[in-house]
C-alpha atoms as a PDB file:
ATOM      1  CA  MET A   1    -141.190 -39.071  -2.121  1.00  0.00           C
ATOM      2  CA  LYS A   2    -143.780 -41.719  -1.061  1.00  0.00           C
ATOM      3  CA  GLU A   3    -141.629 -44.381  -3.201  1.00  0.00           C
ATOM      4  CA  LEU A   4    -138.488 -43.144  -1.571  1.00  0.00           C
ATOM      5  CA  ILE A   5    -140.001 -43.461   2.081  1.00  0.00           C
ATOM      6  CA  LYS A   6    -141.432 -46.831   1.002  1.00  0.00           C
ATOM      7  CA  ASN A   7    -137.920 -48.021  -0.048  1.00  0.00           C
ATOM      8  CA  ILE A   8    -136.424 -46.236   3.448  1.00  0.00           C
ATOM      9  CA  LYS A   9    -139.218 -48.316   5.503  1.00  0.00           C
ATOM     10  CA  SER A  10    -138.493 -51.434   3.751  1.00  0.00           C
ATOM     11  CA  ARG A  11    -134.987 -51.471   5.606  1.00  0.00           C
ATOM     12  CA  ILE A  12    -135.574 -49.511   8.808  1.00  0.00           C
ATOM     13  CA  GLN A  13    -138.174 -48.365  10.918  1.00  0.00           C
ATOM     14  CA  LEU A  14    -138.588 -44.506  10.241  1.00  0.00           C
ATOM     15  CA  SER A  15    -140.584 -42.324  12.724  1.00  0.00           C
ATOM     16  CA  PHE A  16    -143.250 -39.746  11.268  1.00  0.00           C
ATOM     17  CA  GLU A  17    -141.286 -37.169  12.469  1.00  0.00           C
ATOM     18  CA  ALA A  18    -138.116 -38.374  10.449  1.00  0.00           C
ATOM     19  CA  GLU A  19    -140.583 -38.757   7.370  1.00  0.00           C
ATOM     20  CA  GLU A  20    -141.816 -35.148   7.786  1.00  0.00           C
ATOM     21  CA  TYR A  21    -138.124 -34.118   8.151  1.00  0.00           C
ATOM     22  CA  LEU A  22    -137.071 -35.972   4.679  1.00  0.00           C
ATOM     23  CA  PHE A  23    -140.131 -34.085   3.032  1.00  0.00           C
ATOM     24  CA  SER A  24    -138.955 -30.823   4.290  1.00  0.00           C
ATOM     25  CA  ILE A  25    -135.282 -30.856   3.007  1.00  0.00           C
ATOM     26  CA  SER A  26    -136.104 -32.356  -0.295  1.00  0.00           C
ATOM     27  CA  LYS A  27    -137.966 -31.189  -3.570  1.00  0.00           C
ATOM     28  CA  LYS A  28    -139.430 -33.255  -6.454  1.00  0.00           C
ATOM     29  CA  LYS A  29    -137.888 -31.979  -9.911  1.00  0.00           C
ATOM     30  CA  THR A  30    -138.201 -33.271 -13.487  1.00  0.00           C
ATOM     31  CA  PHE A  31    -135.362 -32.624 -16.130  1.00  0.00           C
ATOM     32  CA  SER A  32    -135.378 -32.915 -19.589  1.00  0.00           C
ATOM     33  CA  LYS A  33    -133.157 -35.311 -21.579  1.00  0.00           C
ATOM     34  CA  GLY A  34    -129.643 -33.321 -21.737  1.00  0.00           C
ATOM     35  CA  ALA A  35    -130.178 -31.241 -18.690  1.00  0.00           C
ATOM     36  CA  VAL A  36    -126.766 -31.197 -16.498  1.00  0.00           C
ATOM     37  CA  LEU A  37    -127.432 -30.915 -12.673  1.00  0.00           C
ATOM     38  CA  ILE A  38    -123.975 -30.775 -11.503  1.00  0.00           C
ATOM     39  CA  ARG A  39    -121.111 -29.420 -13.848  1.00  0.00           C
ATOM     40  CA  GLN A  40    -117.650 -30.250 -13.087  1.00  0.00           C
ATOM     41  CA  GLY A  41    -115.918 -27.615 -11.614  1.00  0.00           C
ATOM     42  CA  GLN A  42    -118.700 -26.053  -9.756  1.00  0.00           C
ATOM     43  CA  ASN A  43    -119.819 -26.161  -6.164  1.00  0.00           C
ATOM     44  CA  VAL A  44    -121.968 -29.104  -5.176  1.00  0.00           C
ATOM     45  CA  ASN A  45    -124.541 -29.155  -2.174  1.00  0.00           C
ATOM     46  CA  LYS A  46    -127.026 -31.625  -3.771  1.00  0.00           C
ATOM     47  CA  ILE A  47    -127.974 -35.201  -3.892  1.00  0.00           C
ATOM     48  CA  TYR A  48    -130.410 -36.903  -6.174  1.00  0.00           C
ATOM     49  CA  PHE A  49    -132.499 -39.954  -5.598  1.00  0.00           C
ATOM     50  CA  VAL A  50    -134.221 -41.157  -9.092  1.00  0.00           C
ATOM     51  CA  THR A  51    -137.663 -41.640  -9.425  1.00  0.00           C
ATOM     52  CA  ASP A  52    -137.908 -42.007 -13.139  1.00  0.00           C
ATOM     53  CA  GLY A  53    -135.239 -41.889 -15.907  1.00  0.00           C
ATOM     54  CA  CYS A  54    -131.621 -42.302 -16.484  1.00  0.00           C
ATOM     55  CA  LEU A  55    -128.911 -40.066 -15.448  1.00  0.00           C
ATOM     56  CA  ARG A  56    -125.084 -40.575 -15.863  1.00  0.00           C
ATOM     57  CA  SER A  57    -121.990 -39.025 -14.158  1.00  0.00           C
ATOM     58  CA  TYR A  58    -118.660 -38.494 -15.819  1.00  0.00           C
ATOM     59  CA  CYS A  59    -115.555 -36.479 -15.973  1.00  0.00           C
ATOM     60  CA  ILE A  60    -113.430 -35.216 -18.720  1.00  0.00           C
ATOM     61  CA  ASP A  61    -109.637 -35.686 -18.592  1.00  0.00           C
ATOM     62  CA  LYS A  62    -106.991 -33.222 -19.509  1.00  0.00           C
ATOM     63  CA  ASN A  63    -106.985 -34.473 -22.903  1.00  0.00           C
ATOM     64  CA  GLY A  64    -110.908 -33.969 -23.339  1.00  0.00           C
ATOM     65  CA  LYS A  65    -112.054 -37.581 -23.042  1.00  0.00           C
ATOM     66  CA  GLU A  66    -115.117 -38.346 -21.226  1.00  0.00           C
ATOM     67  CA  HIS A  67    -115.086 -41.160 -18.541  1.00  0.00           C
ATOM     68  CA  THR A  68    -118.403 -42.258 -17.497  1.00  0.00           C
ATOM     69  CA  LEU A  69    -118.388 -43.437 -13.908  1.00  0.00           C
ATOM     70  CA  GLN A  70    -121.957 -44.174 -13.379  1.00  0.00           C
ATOM     71  CA  PHE A  71    -125.497 -44.491 -14.619  1.00  0.00           C
ATOM     72  CA  ALA A  72    -128.287 -43.873 -12.185  1.00  0.00           C
ATOM     73  CA  ILE A  73    -131.734 -45.327 -12.865  1.00  0.00           C
ATOM     74  CA  LYS A  74    -134.992 -45.689 -10.899  1.00  0.00           C
ATOM     75  CA  ASN A  75    -134.323 -45.799  -7.122  1.00  0.00           C
ATOM     76  CA  TRP A  76    -130.610 -45.037  -7.420  1.00  0.00           C
ATOM     77  CA  TRP A  77    -128.686 -42.056  -5.622  1.00  0.00           C
ATOM     78  CA  ILE A  78    -126.565 -39.963  -7.716  1.00  0.00           C
ATOM     79  CA  SER A  79    -124.260 -36.892  -6.968  1.00  0.00           C
ATOM     80  CA  ASP A  80    -120.602 -36.157  -6.643  1.00  0.00           C
ATOM     81  CA  TYR A  81    -119.752 -37.366  -3.227  1.00  0.00           C
ATOM     82  CA  ILE A  82    -116.162 -36.479  -3.221  1.00  0.00           C
ATOM     83  CA  ALA A  83    -116.746 -32.947  -3.816  1.00  0.00           C
ATOM     84  CA  ILE A  84    -119.342 -32.904  -1.242  1.00  0.00           C
ATOM     85  CA  HIS A  85    -117.541 -34.811   1.515  1.00  0.00           C
ATOM     86  CA  ASN A  86    -114.051 -33.018   0.806  1.00  0.00           C
ATOM     87  CA  ASN A  87    -115.688 -29.741   0.251  1.00  0.00           C
ATOM     88  CA  GLU A  88    -114.221 -29.041  -3.101  1.00  0.00           C
ATOM     89  CA  SER A  89    -115.196 -28.144  -6.703  1.00  0.00           C
ATOM     90  CA  ALA A  90    -116.954 -31.027  -8.593  1.00  0.00           C
ATOM     91  CA  THR A  91    -114.792 -33.632 -10.288  1.00  0.00           C
ATOM     92  CA  LEU A  92    -118.045 -35.295 -12.204  1.00  0.00           C
ATOM     93  CA  THR A  93    -120.725 -33.701 -14.403  1.00  0.00           C
ATOM     94  CA  VAL A  94    -124.263 -35.381 -13.766  1.00  0.00           C
ATOM     95  CA  GLU A  95    -126.411 -35.391 -16.791  1.00  0.00           C
ATOM     96  CA  CYS A  96    -129.753 -36.720 -17.857  1.00  0.00           C
ATOM     97  CA  LEU A  97    -129.845 -39.231 -20.521  1.00  0.00           C
ATOM     98  CA  LYS A  98    -133.457 -39.117 -21.032  1.00  0.00           C
ATOM     99  CA  LYS A  99    -136.435 -37.269 -19.195  1.00  0.00           C
ATOM    100  CA  SER A 100    -135.969 -37.775 -15.416  1.00  0.00           C
ATOM    101  CA  SER A 101    -137.361 -37.232 -12.186  1.00  0.00           C
ATOM    102  CA  VAL A 102    -135.538 -37.247  -9.090  1.00  0.00           C
ATOM    103  CA  ILE A 103    -136.023 -36.170  -5.483  1.00  0.00           C
ATOM    104  CA  GLU A 104    -133.162 -33.328  -4.742  1.00  0.00           C
ATOM    105  CA  PHE A 105    -131.762 -33.102  -1.333  1.00  0.00           C
ATOM    106  CA  ASN A 106    -129.556 -30.357   0.578  1.00  0.00           C
ATOM    107  CA  ALA A 107    -126.538 -32.649   1.079  1.00  0.00           C
ATOM    108  CA  LYS A 108    -125.955 -30.791   4.445  1.00  0.00           C
ATOM    109  CA  LYS A 109    -129.365 -31.155   5.594  1.00  0.00           C
ATOM    110  CA  LEU A 110    -129.715 -34.693   4.515  1.00  0.00           C
ATOM    111  CA  ASN A 111    -126.075 -35.585   6.228  1.00  0.00           C
ATOM    112  CA  GLY A 112    -127.535 -33.971   9.332  1.00  0.00           C
ATOM    113  CA  ILE A 113    -130.264 -36.442   9.650  1.00  0.00           C
ATOM    114  CA  PHE A 114    -128.242 -38.551  11.947  1.00  0.00           C
ATOM    115  CA  LYS A 115    -128.055 -36.132  14.753  1.00  0.00           C
ATOM    116  CA  LEU A 116    -131.894 -35.462  14.742  1.00  0.00           C
ATOM    117  CA  PHE A 117    -133.096 -39.021  13.546  1.00  0.00           C
ATOM    118  CA  PRO A 118    -130.388 -41.750  14.913  1.00  0.00           C
ATOM    119  CA  GLU A 119    -132.623 -44.506  13.390  1.00  0.00           C
ATOM    120  CA  TYR A 120    -131.939 -43.037   9.796  1.00  0.00           C
ATOM    121  CA  GLU A 121    -128.368 -44.020  10.385  1.00  0.00           C
ATOM    122  CA  PRO A 122    -128.659 -47.929   9.743  1.00  0.00           C
ATOM    123  CA  PHE A 123    -130.126 -46.924   6.331  1.00  0.00           C
ATOM    124  CA  GLN A 124    -127.276 -44.586   5.356  1.00  0.00           C
ATOM    125  CA  ARG A 125    -124.664 -46.887   6.490  1.00  0.00           C
ATOM    126  CA  ASN A 126    -126.343 -49.698   4.309  1.00  0.00           C
ATOM    127  CA  LEU A 127    -126.461 -47.401   1.431  1.00  0.00           C
ATOM    128  CA  LEU A 128    -122.669 -46.601   1.764  1.00  0.00           C
ATOM    129  CA  GLU A 129    -121.573 -50.028   2.057  1.00  0.00           C
ATOM    130  CA  ARG A 130    -123.501 -51.270  -0.973  1.00  0.00           C
ATOM    131  CA  HIS A 131    -121.858 -48.336  -2.810  1.00  0.00           C
ATOM    132  CA  VAL A 132    -118.357 -49.390  -1.621  1.00  0.00           C
ATOM    133  CA  VAL A 133    -119.156 -53.051  -2.703  1.00  0.00           C
ATOM    134  CA  SER A 134    -120.519 -51.753  -5.987  1.00  0.00           C
ATOM    135  CA  LEU A 135    -117.129 -49.878  -6.679  1.00  0.00           C
ATOM    136  CA  HIS A 136    -115.117 -52.581  -5.496  1.00  0.00           C
ATOM    137  CA  ARG A 137    -116.943 -55.028  -7.756  1.00  0.00           C
ATOM    138  CA  ARG A 138    -116.745 -52.659 -10.683  1.00  0.00           C
ATOM    139  CA  ILE A 139    -112.822 -52.063 -10.120  1.00  0.00           C
ATOM    140  CA  LEU A 140    -112.290 -56.086 -10.002  1.00  0.00           C
ATOM    141  CA  ASN A 141    -114.298 -56.684 -13.060  1.00  0.00           C
ATOM    142  CA  GLN A 142    -112.277 -54.171 -14.838  1.00  0.00           C
ATOM    143  CA  LEU A 143    -109.206 -55.758 -13.643  1.00  0.00           C
ATOM    144  CA  GLN A 144    -110.296 -59.421 -14.101  1.00  0.00           C
ATOM    145  CA  LEU A 145    -113.058 -59.920 -16.804  1.00  0.00           C
ATOM    146  CA  THR A 146    -113.031 -59.454 -20.576  1.00  0.00           C
ATOM    147  CA  ALA A 147    -114.602 -56.816 -22.194  1.00  0.00           C
ATOM    148  CA  SER A 148    -117.447 -59.035 -23.509  1.00  0.00           C
ATOM    149  CA  GLU A 149    -118.060 -60.244 -19.828  1.00  0.00           C
ATOM    150  CA  ARG A 150    -118.020 -56.723 -18.511  1.00  0.00           C
ATOM    151  CA  TYR A 151    -120.674 -55.797 -21.288  1.00  0.00           C
ATOM    152  CA  ASP A 152    -122.746 -58.960 -20.220  1.00  0.00           C
ATOM    153  CA  LEU A 153    -122.622 -57.718 -16.599  1.00  0.00           C
ATOM    154  CA  PHE A 154    -123.703 -54.332 -17.627  1.00  0.00           C
ATOM    155  CA  LEU A 155    -126.732 -55.341 -19.588  1.00  0.00           C
ATOM    156  CA  ASP A 156    -127.948 -57.357 -16.471  1.00  0.00           C
ATOM    157  CA  GLN A 157    -127.298 -54.379 -14.102  1.00  0.00           C
ATOM    158  CA  TYR A 158    -128.641 -51.578 -16.480  1.00  0.00           C
ATOM    159  CA  PRO A 159    -131.604 -53.480 -18.522  1.00  0.00           C
ATOM    160  CA  ASN A 160    -132.868 -51.216 -21.341  1.00  0.00           C
ATOM    161  CA  ILE A 161    -130.277 -48.580 -20.919  1.00  0.00           C
ATOM    162  CA  GLU A 162    -128.929 -48.747 -24.425  1.00  0.00           C
ATOM    163  CA  GLN A 163    -132.189 -46.957 -25.534  1.00  0.00           C
ATOM    164  CA  TYR A 164    -130.764 -43.783 -23.732  1.00  0.00           C
ATOM    165  CA  ALA A 165    -127.133 -44.179 -23.574  1.00  0.00           C
ATOM    166  CA  ARG A 166    -124.807 -43.366 -26.600  1.00  0.00           C
ATOM    167  CA  ASN A 167    -122.351 -46.015 -27.492  1.00  0.00           C
ATOM    168  CA  TYR A 168    -119.495 -43.772 -26.240  1.00  0.00           C
ATOM    169  CA  HIS A 169    -121.029 -43.587 -22.693  1.00  0.00           C
ATOM    170  CA  ILE A 170    -121.111 -47.443 -22.622  1.00  0.00           C
ATOM    171  CA  ALA A 171    -118.006 -47.790 -23.710  1.00  0.00           C
ATOM    172  CA  SER A 172    -116.266 -45.504 -21.527  1.00  0.00           C
ATOM    173  CA  TYR A 173    -117.995 -46.937 -18.725  1.00  0.00           C
ATOM    174  CA  LEU A 174    -116.794 -50.327 -19.593  1.00  0.00           C
ATOM    175  CA  GLY A 175    -113.301 -48.970 -20.233  1.00  0.00           C
ATOM    176  CA  ILE A 176    -112.980 -49.893 -23.843  1.00  0.00           C
ATOM    177  CA  THR A 177    -113.118 -48.083 -27.334  1.00  0.00           C
ATOM    178  CA  GLN A 178    -116.580 -47.680 -29.148  1.00  0.00           C
ATOM    179  CA  GLU A 179    -114.856 -50.048 -31.753  1.00  0.00           C
ATOM    180  CA  SER A 180    -114.549 -52.585 -29.205  1.00  0.00           C
ATOM    181  CA  LEU A 181    -118.052 -52.382 -28.214  1.00  0.00           C
ATOM    182  CA  SER A 182    -119.344 -52.766 -31.698  1.00  0.00           C
ATOM    183  CA  ARG A 183    -117.281 -55.860 -32.094  1.00  0.00           C
ATOM    184  CA  ILE A 184    -118.547 -57.249 -28.840  1.00  0.00           C
ATOM    185  CA  ARG A 185    -122.068 -56.546 -30.115  1.00  0.00           C
ATOM    186  CA  VAL A 186    -121.710 -58.341 -33.594  1.00  0.00           C
ATOM    187  CA  GLU A 187    -120.003 -61.295 -31.661  1.00  0.00           C
ATOM    188  CA  LYS A 188    -123.183 -61.565 -29.319  1.00  0.00           C
ATOM    189  CA  ALA A 189    -125.687 -61.193 -32.329  1.00  0.00           C
ATOM    190  CA  LYS A 190    -124.061 -64.326 -34.003  1.00  0.00           C
ATOM    191  CA  ILE A 191    -124.665 -66.395 -30.962  1.00  0.00           C
END
């Protein structure tokens, strides 16, 4: 939790009372590889801040195919925000790709922090803005870049993730087949 507070304080002034509130609405948890924190179809009321490890969120389409939406590594947040904000069942599953430590928050209490501690609002707004920018950048990259270029950006954004993520996780994140991913890796090895 101290790491999260340090992260927040690097961006905003945070009162002792706001720190105490964050401590009171959070739990530090460790999950083993393969643990599922959120399952598609269930109710969602938790948001997770990753302190160590690697998680991914994905959905399964009507044909049973997995589509990886996000990987979350140290200092990243993860949940099914659509389900939380629209008060509907989860459209995503969130799983641990390796043993992971997280800080778990009750979503309603975390979102209610603004009324109690308005100084927290700029931090949350900045997180949301960065999240929107990241999603827009990802969409544009899918539309404008080659698969090889997307793979290079992926490796820059998620260094060492190939140790934990399976090929089909990475391929689905990039929007390509596993065979295409293998070809890209072979081409890169030749360079």
